[in-house]
Each structure stands twice: as structure tokens, then as C-alpha cells.
């Protein structure tokens, strides 16, 4: 594919490197000459020194024949304008990176539709969701999140004293919008039926709408009573999204922000969070706030070095878990040696989203669970699929597969038995590895 990347910051350079390595023809447009020289020294891509938000620069970059234009500068408005102009000039598809929630959440206006842009990506938002999943489920074997946080899926062990033990699924009373997709028991994995009885020691794959997922999870885990203590260092937009992702969960959150004005804004915006104007890496603050007792210390500043040092110091002082947000790849190999268990890179998250966008096939594997025995797929329902206009209860996918979620436009939900499959729907399907051809034949022809 012919791909134009506009902006050679951390996200743009990483995207150019990754996409060029997979065989795409890459052109990078950047007005900073020093960045252009750096790219020319390290990457085998075409470059153009110009402002990407002009029709002239985009034409010179080959926009009229581009399969995709990706706008990744640090300024939202420039990215939106660039992606819109690119579509107007003939680019097949365009993606704009945005930072502000007003654009990403499309408050007051459908910016994609209005500007003709195919996709908005926000690495800070996606990274916040990834961190939230880690904090919510420190003992889970595998965690996947789908559809901008609307759907959650976890692979978790069933506790000995869990209320679900010894009860058939048809009598369990799972909250509507949740589904037990698979069970691993004594070395074998199977798709459960209504009569299946949950046993202690089972490993289950649970899927549900994010708003009620925690309620369903408690049926299988009896050890979720204590509120976890979380300390956040820094108050950028990523911190706001992280706090929102953890709201109404079993968490006590303290957010530390040095800037007084920003701290006041955060305190007003996040009324369920304790916002403190202080530096948690200051020893006196750390000890006064008893941060050595926190379950997790998360560093979210815009500076990699501060995040690494702050997280490592918090871990050395007694914090149970240290998490750092890091952009530069040359730092990642250092983290484990200084006590940081997890690191999250917004630029790597962004490139992953772009790669998913480029994967246009009707069947796409997005996860492998239960030691590779169970696969998770997004599957687009074809115009001539046999299942169109049929209720889920009428579609015989078991014992190999189960439809765990349905996407129609922006709406994604865990379906009930009477939900009807429509042409163009995208399904989240979970099932046994090695039966993909059968699944595709049933659900996606045409």
C-alpha cells in the first residue's frame, strides 16, 4: 500500500518504521528539517520537508494515489485538517491522531463524518484503558478490551468459595449483557451450555458490557472485597481517562499534580478522585501520604525519565506494583532491572491500532487464550451469509464457537439469545482453534 505519514514525532516515526518493515511504500511529510535528516539516516522511506496541512504538500507527497494518509502531528486541529484535505484530494482513506477528548469523543459533532475522515485514534485514551485493565485484574491470566472500552473480556480462575460454584449456568443469573464464553477444566477446554455446572478450579473466559462486567466477575471470584489503593503521578489527559475507566470500581485513587491550576481543574472534573497538589516522588510527600502502602504507583507524566525514576523509587519504597508510561523504545529494556513491572507506550498502542485498521479481511484473529487452544476473532458478516436475519438461538455454532459481542456502527454489546444477525455486523467470536474455515463459511460469505 502507498501510505503517507504526516508528522515525524514519536508516533509518526514508529509508524513509518513498522509499516515500512511490512512492505508498505511510506512517504513521511515533516516541516522540521532535523527530523527529516534523522529519518533519512535510519529508515528506508521517502521524505518531504513541508507543512502537511496544505494541498500542495499533500499532492507533492502523492496523496492522489495514496491508499492511506495518517496525520500524527502534536496539534489536533492540524491533524484533522490534514486528514480531511487528503480525502478531498483523492486519498482512499485517512486517519487523524487527536489528543483532546472533545475531538476523540466527538462531543457536539461527528467530526469524522463532517470532515470525511475514516478514523480518529487517541493513543493516550487507548493507553489509559490498557493500564486500567492491568489495575482491575492483576491476577488475570489474559485480558483483552474491545470497542473503545464498551466490551471487556477476561480469562480468570474460579475461586473456591465463589457463589457460582456448583450451579448450572441456566440457574446462575448472570447479569444481562455478560456471557461465559469458555471453560478450561482438567486440561481440556470447551464452550459451555446452559446445563454446564461451574466448578472450583475452572479457568473461565468471561465477556461482558464494561458497565456491568465487574458485577458478573464477582460471581466467580470471592476475593474482590478490598478496595485497592492507587497513586497516579501527573495529571495529563491520560490520567483523566484512567480515572474514568476506574470509576465505580473497587479503587481508592489519589492523583498528584504539581501545577496548582491543573490540579484545581482535575479536582473539579474528577470529583470521585482525591487530587493533591504535590510531587509524590518527594520523600516527605511520599511518607506523609503513606504511598509505600499503595497497591500500584502509576507514573503518567509527559517525560519518560521522570516516569521511570518516579516509578522505580516508589517501588523501592514499598509500593506493591510500579507502572510507567514510556515513549522512547531505548528505555524499555531498563525497566525490569529497576523494579518497574509494566510499561505502556502510547506510540506502540497507536501503531497497533493503525495495523488493525489496515487489516480489512472479513476474519481477523485478535487474541489467543487458554494456552493457544481458544482463539478470539472479529468477523464481518457478509451480504450472503446464511445467518442473516436469524436469531442467535437459531444459529448452531456450539460446541466450537460462541458469539460474544455484536457491533452495529458505534454500538457494541454482548447479545442475548434473541438478538438478530444483520449483514454488515461485526461479531466478536470466541472458539476452538483450527475451525476457522468452518466459521468463515457460516458467517461471512459474500
Foldseek 3Di string as FASTA:
>chain_A
DEEEEEAQDLLRVVLQAVVVVVPYAYEYEAQDVVSVVVCVVPHDHHYHRDQLLDLVRCVVRVLQPAQEYEYDHPDQVSQLSNQLVSVVSHHNAYEGEDADCCQQVVPPHVSCVVSVHDYYDYLLLVLLLVVLQCVQCVPFPDWDADQSRFKTKTWAFFAQPAQQAFPFQLPLCQDPQKDFQWKADPRDIWGDDRRDGDHHGITTIMMGGLVCRVVRVSNRDVPQPAQAEEEEEADDVSVVSNLVSCPPHSYAYEYEAQDPVSLVVCCVVRVSHHYHNDGCLPVVNVVVVVLLPGQEYEYDDPDQVCQQVSQLSSVVSRHNAGEYEHSDPVCVVVRVVSPHPYYHHSSVVVSVVVVVVVPPDQWDWDDADPVRFKTKIKGAFAPPAPQAFHFQLVDPPPGFKDFQWKDDPSDITGDDRGDGDHHGIITIMMGGPPCVVVVCNRGHDD
